[in-house]
Amino acid sequence: MKKTFPGYCKKSEIEIKKIWGNGIILFDTNVLLNLYRYSDSTRDTILDLIGKFSKQIYLPHQAGLEYNRNRYEVIAEQEKAYKEFLDKIIQIQKDLQSTNKPPFLSTKIDKTLNSVFEDVNAEVQESIQKYCDYLKDDPIYNKISNLFENRITEPFSKQILDEIYKEGSERYKMKIPPGFEDEKTKDGTRKFGDLILWKQVIEKAKELKKDVILITDERKIDWWWKIKDGRNMGPRQELVEEIKNQANVDFHMYSSERFLSYGQSFLNEQINEKALQEIQAMKKAEMDEIKRLRFNEFKFNEKELKINEEIEYYKNRVNEINHKKHELEIHIHNLISDAHPNDEIHEHIHNLGIHKAAFDQEKNELINRISDLEKSTLKNRKNDNYIDVNSRLRKFLYEKDSEL
């Protein structure tokens, strides 16, 4: 059973230790980019651990390419995050030190607060400057470059890439991992990035004939096997079986925090709990932010849906009025053409004319209402909050590829 369905079998502790001892360890882009989001101590802990496996580590060419494409954006993102935090701190300080409304603070407490805010301000300013300096001289980049010197896999030729794009289109239709989730957030050939990386992992396994560990901070279902209650059972079955069939090696995956905890345990080192907690807290904050953005997006979309339903109702009503008005006009025309002129017929035609005018008035009111609603929809889409929610959500999904 285990040989026939290797992807559905949880690896034993002995099998995992064998992979760690004799296999190769490859890293995804997001693991490297997240280094810019950690504190100095946590970042150094991870880089130090990677260095201790220096003879086993490799970087897929695709991961290196995407890291270089995105690192300046991540640096700028962190600089912006610190600036926004500083703005909040300054506003809190202003609120606390208001002298014309309660609560009123004693001079002693006020001085203490001033001192604390000055220290916070100085430290945050230092962090902002640090990220500014990274745009000129990036020590994280330098460390990563040294770690993976001569450890980056070969790039694929244009011909091979074209074949992967073609294969990827068919795989994604059938939801064959990895990468099919990227169709939702990435355009053009960028959506095949995960598949290219995966193919490079397989090629390295074939070349070295060694088992593989992939360290990734992906959380999407096109990488991980998750059961209905939310528990993560390991890499997708299809990935385990594909690399087994093509390279005859075993395959396992870890997130950054699991790499840190298992890697330190494997080396008989004390696990850095503080670093683990920081990584977990950061990921929880990301997930909370995505949930918040998705909820806000839902509220905006719900509002637009209600407006569109109202517009559709009014348009149907206009069509009904046009139909009834047309029938009324034919009836009036026939009365004028066929009826003998008498007071009764003239009175009836006059009343029908009043009825027709009422139709025209209602129609014009409906058209104006439709116009107002359509303007409201455009205003909703141009709303700064709406634009911010959508752009930030796309940014999260594109860069972090989170799966809820």
Protein backbone atom coordinates (compact mmCIF):
# COMPACT_ATOMS: atom_id res chain seq x y z
CA MET A 1 0.00 0.00 0.00
CA LYS A 2 2.74 2.48 0.95
CA LYS A 3 4.69 1.88 -2.29
CA THR A 4 1.55 2.17 -4.41
CA PHE A 5 0.26 5.36 -2.72
CA PRO A 6 3.35 7.09 -1.27
CA GLY A 7 1.71 10.51 -1.20
CA TYR A 8 -0.92 9.42 1.33
CA CYS A 9 1.52 8.02 3.88
CA LYS A 10 2.76 10.19 6.73
CA LYS A 11 6.52 9.82 7.05
CA SER A 12 7.92 8.23 10.18
CA GLU A 13 10.46 9.99 12.39
CA ILE A 14 13.17 7.66 11.06
CA GLU A 15 12.31 8.51 7.45
CA ILE A 16 12.33 12.24 8.20
CA LYS A 17 15.71 12.08 9.93
CA LYS A 18 17.08 10.18 6.94
CA ILE A 19 15.97 12.96 4.59
CA TRP A 20 17.50 15.63 6.87
CA GLY A 21 20.73 13.68 7.16
CA ASN A 22 21.25 12.71 3.52
CA GLY A 23 18.95 14.89 1.43
CA ILE A 24 19.13 18.35 -0.04
CA ILE A 25 17.28 21.42 1.27
CA LEU A 26 15.81 23.95 -1.16
CA PHE A 27 14.20 27.30 -0.38
CA ASP A 28 11.24 29.17 -1.83
CA THR A 29 11.22 32.91 -2.57
CA ASN A 30 8.88 33.82 0.28
CA VAL A 31 11.27 32.39 2.88
CA LEU A 32 13.99 34.79 1.73
CA LEU A 33 11.69 37.81 1.40
CA ASN A 34 10.26 37.24 4.87
CA LEU A 35 13.74 37.74 6.30
CA TYR A 36 13.19 41.49 5.74
CA ARG A 37 10.07 41.35 7.91
CA TYR A 38 11.68 39.76 10.99
CA SER A 39 13.59 41.35 13.82
CA ASP A 40 17.38 41.29 13.53
CA SER A 41 17.70 38.47 16.07
CA THR A 42 15.14 36.20 14.39
CA ARG A 43 16.61 36.88 10.96
CA ASP A 44 20.12 36.07 12.19
CA THR A 45 18.87 32.85 13.80
CA ILE A 46 17.37 31.65 10.51
CA LEU A 47 20.38 32.65 8.40
CA ASP A 48 22.69 30.99 10.91
CA LEU A 49 20.68 27.78 10.71
CA ILE A 50 20.70 27.81 6.91
CA GLY A 51 24.49 28.21 7.06
CA LYS A 52 24.82 25.10 9.22
CA PHE A 53 23.34 23.04 6.37
CA SER A 54 25.61 24.73 3.81
CA LYS A 55 26.58 21.45 2.10
CA GLN A 56 22.93 20.51 1.57
CA ILE A 57 21.27 23.78 0.57
CA TYR A 58 20.26 24.89 -2.92
CA LEU A 59 18.19 27.74 -4.29
CA PRO A 60 15.95 27.05 -7.31
CA HIS A 61 16.77 29.55 -10.05
CA GLN A 62 13.11 30.66 -10.12
CA ALA A 63 13.20 31.43 -6.39
CA GLY A 64 16.35 33.49 -6.85
CA LEU A 65 14.80 35.35 -9.78
CA GLU A 66 11.62 36.19 -7.86
CA TYR A 67 13.64 37.23 -4.80
CA ASN A 68 15.61 39.72 -6.90
CA ARG A 69 12.44 40.98 -8.57
CA ASN A 70 10.70 41.66 -5.28
CA ARG A 71 13.26 42.48 -2.60
CA TYR A 72 13.26 46.25 -3.19
CA GLU A 73 9.46 46.26 -3.01
CA VAL A 74 9.56 44.42 0.32
CA ILE A 75 12.18 46.82 1.67
CA ALA A 76 10.01 49.78 0.66
CA GLU A 77 6.99 48.05 2.20
CA GLN A 78 8.78 47.69 5.54
CA GLU A 79 9.95 51.29 5.45
CA LYS A 80 6.34 52.38 4.88
CA ALA A 81 5.10 50.14 7.73
CA TYR A 82 7.49 51.80 10.20
CA LYS A 83 6.48 55.28 9.00
CA GLU A 84 2.80 54.44 9.47
CA PHE A 85 3.56 53.06 12.94
CA LEU A 86 5.42 56.27 13.79
CA ASP A 87 2.43 58.37 12.69
CA LYS A 88 0.19 56.35 15.02
CA ILE A 89 2.60 56.79 17.92
CA ILE A 90 2.75 60.55 17.37
CA GLN A 91 -1.06 60.73 17.30
CA ILE A 92 -1.31 58.70 20.53
CA GLN A 93 1.21 61.05 22.16
CA LYS A 94 -0.83 64.08 21.12
CA ASP A 95 -4.04 62.51 22.46
CA LEU A 96 -2.47 61.60 25.79
CA GLN A 97 -0.90 65.01 26.29
CA SER A 98 -3.97 67.07 25.59
CA THR A 99 -4.19 69.62 28.42
CA ASN A 100 -7.68 70.97 27.78
CA LYS A 101 -9.72 67.81 28.36
CA PRO A 102 -9.69 64.79 30.71
CA PRO A 103 -8.05 62.56 31.62
CA PHE A 104 -5.52 65.01 33.05
CA LEU A 105 -2.04 63.60 33.75
CA SER A 106 0.34 64.62 36.48
CA THR A 107 3.55 66.40 35.51
CA LYS A 108 5.57 63.36 36.63
CA ILE A 109 3.64 60.93 34.44
CA ASP A 110 3.67 63.40 31.56
CA LYS A 111 7.48 63.61 31.70
CA THR A 112 7.76 59.82 31.89
CA LEU A 113 5.51 59.46 28.85
CA ASN A 114 7.56 62.03 26.98
CA SER A 115 10.71 60.06 27.68
CA VAL A 116 9.12 56.79 26.53
CA PHE A 117 7.77 58.35 23.33
CA GLU A 118 11.16 59.88 22.58
CA ASP A 119 12.82 56.46 22.93
CA VAL A 120 10.18 54.81 20.72
CA ASN A 121 10.47 57.59 18.16
CA ALA A 122 14.25 57.29 18.05
CA GLU A 123 14.15 53.49 17.62
CA VAL A 124 11.53 53.63 14.88
CA GLN A 125 13.43 56.39 13.07
CA GLU A 126 16.50 54.17 13.26
CA SER A 127 14.57 51.30 11.66
CA ILE A 128 13.26 53.59 8.91
CA GLN A 129 16.79 54.73 8.17
CA LYS A 130 17.98 51.13 8.17
CA TYR A 131 15.52 50.16 5.43
CA CYS A 132 16.39 53.31 3.47
CA ASP A 133 20.04 52.24 3.61
CA TYR A 134 19.07 48.74 2.41
CA LEU A 135 18.14 50.28 -0.94
CA LYS A 136 21.83 51.22 -1.34
CA ASP A 137 23.64 48.47 0.53
CA ASP A 138 21.60 45.45 1.58
CA PRO A 139 23.32 43.24 4.21
CA ILE A 140 20.55 40.63 4.01
CA TYR A 141 21.12 40.32 0.27
CA ASN A 142 24.84 39.99 0.87
CA LYS A 143 24.35 37.18 3.42
CA ILE A 144 21.94 35.31 1.15
CA SER A 145 24.35 35.72 -1.78
CA ASN A 146 27.19 34.25 0.27
CA LEU A 147 25.09 31.34 1.52
CA PHE A 148 23.96 30.35 -1.96
CA GLU A 149 27.19 31.07 -3.82
CA ASN A 150 27.41 28.32 -6.48
CA ARG A 151 24.26 26.75 -4.96
CA ILE A 152 21.67 28.14 -7.41
CA THR A 153 20.16 25.66 -9.87
CA GLU A 154 20.52 26.17 -13.61
CA PRO A 155 17.87 28.28 -15.37
CA PHE A 156 15.60 26.69 -17.95
CA SER A 157 15.97 27.56 -21.61
CA LYS A 158 13.21 29.47 -23.42
CA GLN A 159 12.21 26.25 -25.16
CA ILE A 160 11.76 24.40 -21.87
CA LEU A 161 9.90 27.34 -20.35
CA ASP A 162 7.49 27.41 -23.31
CA GLU A 163 6.86 23.69 -22.78
CA ILE A 164 6.19 24.30 -19.06
CA TYR A 165 3.72 27.10 -19.88
CA LYS A 166 1.87 24.75 -22.22
CA GLU A 167 1.91 21.91 -19.70
CA GLY A 168 0.92 24.30 -16.93
CA SER A 169 -2.23 25.40 -18.76
CA GLU A 170 -3.37 21.78 -18.93
CA ARG A 171 -2.34 21.00 -15.34
CA TYR A 172 -4.18 24.02 -13.97
CA LYS A 173 -7.39 23.05 -15.78
CA MET A 174 -7.24 19.71 -13.94
CA LYS A 175 -6.10 21.31 -10.65
CA ILE A 176 -2.80 19.42 -10.66
CA PRO A 177 -0.38 21.08 -8.20
CA PRO A 178 1.55 23.19 -7.75
CA GLY A 179 0.55 26.65 -8.95
CA PHE A 180 -3.07 26.39 -10.03
CA GLU A 181 -4.12 28.77 -7.23
CA ASP A 182 -1.96 31.50 -8.80
CA GLU A 183 -4.40 31.81 -11.71
CA LYS A 184 -6.54 33.86 -9.32
CA THR A 185 -3.90 36.50 -8.58
CA LYS A 186 -1.21 36.47 -11.29
CA ASP A 187 -1.31 37.34 -14.96
CA GLY A 188 0.50 36.01 -18.01
CA THR A 189 3.36 33.57 -17.56
CA ARG A 190 3.95 34.80 -13.97
CA LYS A 191 1.21 32.40 -12.87
CA PHE A 192 3.51 29.50 -13.78
CA GLY A 193 6.24 30.59 -11.33
CA ASP A 194 5.49 27.87 -8.78
CA LEU A 195 5.44 25.19 -11.47
CA ILE A 196 8.79 26.35 -12.85
CA LEU A 197 10.26 26.24 -9.33
CA TRP A 198 8.83 22.75 -8.82
CA LYS A 199 10.33 21.51 -12.09
CA GLN A 200 13.73 22.89 -11.02
CA VAL A 201 13.43 21.07 -7.70
CA ILE A 202 12.75 17.81 -9.56
CA GLU A 203 15.69 18.40 -11.93
CA LYS A 204 18.07 18.91 -8.99
CA ALA A 205 16.77 15.75 -7.33
CA LYS A 206 17.36 13.81 -10.56
CA GLU A 207 20.87 15.22 -10.90
CA LEU A 208 22.00 14.48 -7.33
CA LYS A 209 19.75 11.45 -6.71
CA LYS A 210 19.00 12.76 -3.22
CA ASP A 211 15.81 13.15 -1.20
CA VAL A 212 14.40 16.67 -1.04
CA ILE A 213 13.18 19.07 1.65
CA LEU A 214 11.51 22.25 0.40
CA ILE A 215 11.27 25.18 2.83
CA THR A 216 8.34 27.40 1.86
CA ASP A 217 6.01 29.86 3.51
CA GLU A 218 3.28 29.07 0.99
CA ARG A 219 -0.03 28.24 2.64
CA LYS A 220 -2.11 27.51 -0.43
CA ILE A 221 -3.89 24.24 -1.04
CA ASP A 222 -1.93 23.66 -4.25
CA TRP A 223 1.12 22.91 -2.08
CA TRP A 224 -0.23 21.47 1.17
CA TRP A 225 -2.43 18.48 1.92
CA LYS A 226 -5.05 19.74 4.34
CA ILE A 227 -7.91 17.73 5.78
CA LYS A 228 -11.35 19.19 6.43
CA ASP A 229 -10.73 20.14 10.05
CA GLY A 230 -7.87 22.39 8.90
CA ARG A 231 -4.93 20.24 9.96
CA ASN A 232 -1.89 20.22 7.68
CA MET A 233 -0.86 16.65 6.80
CA GLY A 234 2.22 17.56 4.76
CA PRO A 235 2.89 18.21 1.07
CA ARG A 236 0.23 17.44 -1.53
CA GLN A 237 0.05 13.77 -2.45
CA GLU A 238 0.55 14.59 -6.14
CA LEU A 239 3.86 16.33 -5.41
CA VAL A 240 5.22 13.39 -3.39
CA GLU A 241 4.22 10.95 -6.12
CA GLU A 242 5.44 13.09 -9.04
CA ILE A 243 8.95 13.57 -7.68
CA LYS A 244 9.05 9.90 -6.66
CA ASN A 245 8.10 8.80 -10.18
CA GLN A 246 10.45 11.19 -11.96
CA ALA A 247 13.49 11.26 -9.66
CA ASN A 248 12.92 8.23 -7.39
CA VAL A 249 13.43 10.31 -4.23
CA ASP A 250 11.37 11.11 -1.13
CA PHE A 251 10.00 14.61 -0.60
CA HIS A 252 8.99 16.66 2.42
CA MET A 253 8.12 20.32 3.10
CA TYR A 254 8.46 22.73 6.03
CA SER A 255 7.42 26.29 6.74
CA SER A 256 10.04 28.71 8.11
CA GLU A 257 9.02 28.13 11.73
CA ARG A 258 9.01 24.33 11.31
CA PHE A 259 12.39 24.52 9.57
CA LEU A 260 13.69 26.49 12.53
CA SER A 261 12.29 24.17 15.20
CA TYR A 262 13.07 20.85 13.47
CA GLY A 263 16.42 22.04 12.12
CA GLN A 264 17.63 23.10 15.56
CA SER A 265 16.30 19.85 17.08
CA PHE A 266 18.09 17.81 14.39
CA LEU A 267 21.34 19.59 15.26
CA ASN A 268 20.68 19.01 18.98
CA GLU A 269 20.47 22.77 19.59
CA GLN A 270 18.12 24.58 21.92
CA ILE A 271 15.07 25.74 20.00
CA ASN A 272 14.79 29.51 19.78
CA GLU A 273 11.25 29.89 21.13
CA LYS A 274 11.30 33.67 20.89
CA ALA A 275 12.09 33.53 17.17
CA LEU A 276 9.36 30.92 16.64
CA GLN A 277 6.81 33.05 18.43
CA GLU A 278 7.75 36.07 16.32
CA ILE A 279 7.35 34.17 13.04
CA GLN A 280 4.02 32.73 14.17
CA ALA A 281 2.78 36.14 15.33
CA MET A 282 3.74 37.71 11.99
CA LYS A 283 1.89 35.05 10.04
CA LYS A 284 -1.16 35.38 12.26
CA ALA A 285 -1.13 39.14 11.74
CA GLU A 286 -0.97 38.59 7.96
CA MET A 287 -3.89 36.17 8.07
CA ASP A 288 -5.92 38.56 10.25
CA GLU A 289 -5.21 41.40 7.82
CA ILE A 290 -6.29 39.29 4.84
CA LYS A 291 -9.50 38.31 6.65
CA ARG A 292 -10.16 41.99 7.41
CA LEU A 293 -9.50 43.05 3.81
CA ARG A 294 -11.66 40.25 2.45
CA PHE A 295 -14.49 41.21 4.78
CA ASN A 296 -14.24 44.85 3.69
CA GLU A 297 -14.12 43.75 0.06
CA PHE A 298 -17.24 41.66 0.69
CA LYS A 299 -19.03 44.67 2.20
CA PHE A 300 -18.13 46.86 -0.78
CA ASN A 301 -19.19 44.14 -3.21
CA GLU A 302 -22.40 43.50 -1.25
CA LYS A 303 -23.27 47.19 -1.50
CA GLU A 304 -22.59 47.18 -5.24
CA LEU A 305 -24.65 44.01 -5.69
CA LYS A 306 -27.65 45.63 -4.01
CA ILE A 307 -27.27 48.69 -6.22
CA ASN A 308 -27.05 46.53 -9.34
CA GLU A 309 -30.14 44.57 -8.31
CA GLU A 310 -32.03 47.85 -7.85
CA ILE A 311 -30.83 49.11 -11.24
CA GLU A 312 -31.94 45.88 -12.89
CA TYR A 313 -35.39 46.16 -11.29
CA TYR A 314 -35.83 49.74 -12.52
CA LYS A 315 -34.65 48.82 -16.03
CA ASN A 316 -37.23 46.03 -16.18
CA ARG A 317 -39.87 48.49 -15.02
CA VAL A 318 -38.86 50.93 -17.79
CA ASN A 319 -39.22 48.11 -20.34
CA GLU A 320 -42.69 47.31 -18.98
CA ILE A 321 -43.70 50.97 -19.23
CA ASN A 322 -42.39 51.19 -22.81
CA HIS A 323 -44.45 48.13 -23.73
CA LYS A 324 -47.64 49.43 -22.10
CA LYS A 325 -47.08 52.90 -23.53
CA HIS A 326 -46.68 51.42 -27.02
CA GLU A 327 -49.93 49.48 -26.68
CA LEU A 328 -51.66 52.63 -25.41
CA GLU A 329 -50.41 54.70 -28.35
CA ILE A 330 -51.72 52.10 -30.82
CA HIS A 331 -55.09 52.11 -29.05
CA ILE A 332 -55.29 55.93 -29.16
CA HIS A 333 -54.32 55.93 -32.84
CA ASN A 334 -57.04 53.40 -33.64
CA LEU A 335 -59.65 55.39 -31.73
CA ILE A 336 -58.76 58.57 -33.59
CA SER A 337 -58.78 56.80 -36.94
CA ASP A 338 -61.87 54.61 -36.59
CA ALA A 339 -64.20 56.26 -34.10
CA HIS A 340 -66.93 58.76 -35.02
CA PRO A 341 -66.20 62.10 -33.53
CA ASN A 342 -68.30 62.57 -30.43
CA ASP A 343 -67.86 63.90 -26.95
CA GLU A 344 -67.61 60.48 -25.35
CA ILE A 345 -64.75 59.31 -27.61
CA HIS A 346 -62.89 62.59 -27.22
CA GLU A 347 -63.20 62.34 -23.45
CA HIS A 348 -61.87 58.76 -23.55
CA ILE A 349 -58.93 59.75 -25.79
CA HIS A 350 -58.17 62.67 -23.44
CA ASN A 351 -58.10 60.32 -20.43
CA LEU A 352 -55.81 57.90 -22.28
CA GLY A 353 -53.49 60.82 -23.05
CA ILE A 354 -53.32 61.64 -19.34
CA HIS A 355 -52.51 57.98 -18.65
CA LYS A 356 -49.75 58.09 -21.32
CA ALA A 357 -48.29 61.28 -19.76
CA ALA A 358 -48.21 59.49 -16.38
CA PHE A 359 -46.23 56.67 -18.01
CA ASP A 360 -43.76 59.22 -19.41
CA GLN A 361 -43.34 60.86 -16.02
CA GLU A 362 -42.74 57.54 -14.25
CA LYS A 363 -40.30 56.48 -16.97
CA ASN A 364 -38.29 59.71 -16.63
CA GLU A 365 -38.20 59.32 -12.85
CA LEU A 366 -36.92 55.74 -13.21
CA ILE A 367 -34.26 56.77 -15.75
CA ASN A 368 -33.04 59.49 -13.39
CA ARG A 369 -32.97 56.98 -10.52
CA ILE A 370 -30.95 54.53 -12.64
CA SER A 371 -28.51 57.32 -13.51
CA ASP A 372 -28.09 58.21 -9.83
CA LEU A 373 -27.47 54.58 -8.89
CA GLU A 374 -24.91 54.12 -11.66
CA LYS A 375 -23.09 57.23 -10.44
CA SER A 376 -23.20 55.80 -6.92
CA THR A 377 -21.56 52.59 -8.18
CA LEU A 378 -18.77 54.57 -9.85
CA LYS A 379 -18.32 56.64 -6.71
CA ASN A 380 -18.14 53.44 -4.64
CA ARG A 381 -15.41 52.06 -6.92
CA LYS A 382 -13.45 55.31 -6.79
CA ASN A 383 -13.74 55.44 -3.01
CA ASP A 384 -10.24 55.59 -1.49
CA ASN A 385 -11.11 52.86 1.03
CA TYR A 386 -12.44 50.58 -1.72
CA ILE A 387 -9.33 51.10 -3.85
CA ASP A 388 -7.09 50.58 -0.81
CA VAL A 389 -8.88 47.38 0.22
CA ASN A 390 -8.66 45.86 -3.25
CA SER A 391 -5.08 46.88 -3.98
CA ARG A 392 -3.84 45.74 -0.56
CA LEU A 393 -5.70 42.44 -0.83
CA ARG A 394 -4.24 41.77 -4.29
CA LYS A 395 -0.82 42.66 -2.92
CA PHE A 396 -1.16 40.17 -0.06
CA LEU A 397 -2.42 37.43 -2.33
CA TYR A 398 0.17 38.10 -5.02
CA GLU A 399 3.23 38.35 -2.78
CA LYS A 400 2.36 36.04 0.06
CA ASP A 401 -0.07 33.74 -1.75
CA SER A 402 -2.01 33.18 1.48
CA GLU A 403 -4.81 30.64 1.65
CA LEU A 404 -7.57 30.97 4.23
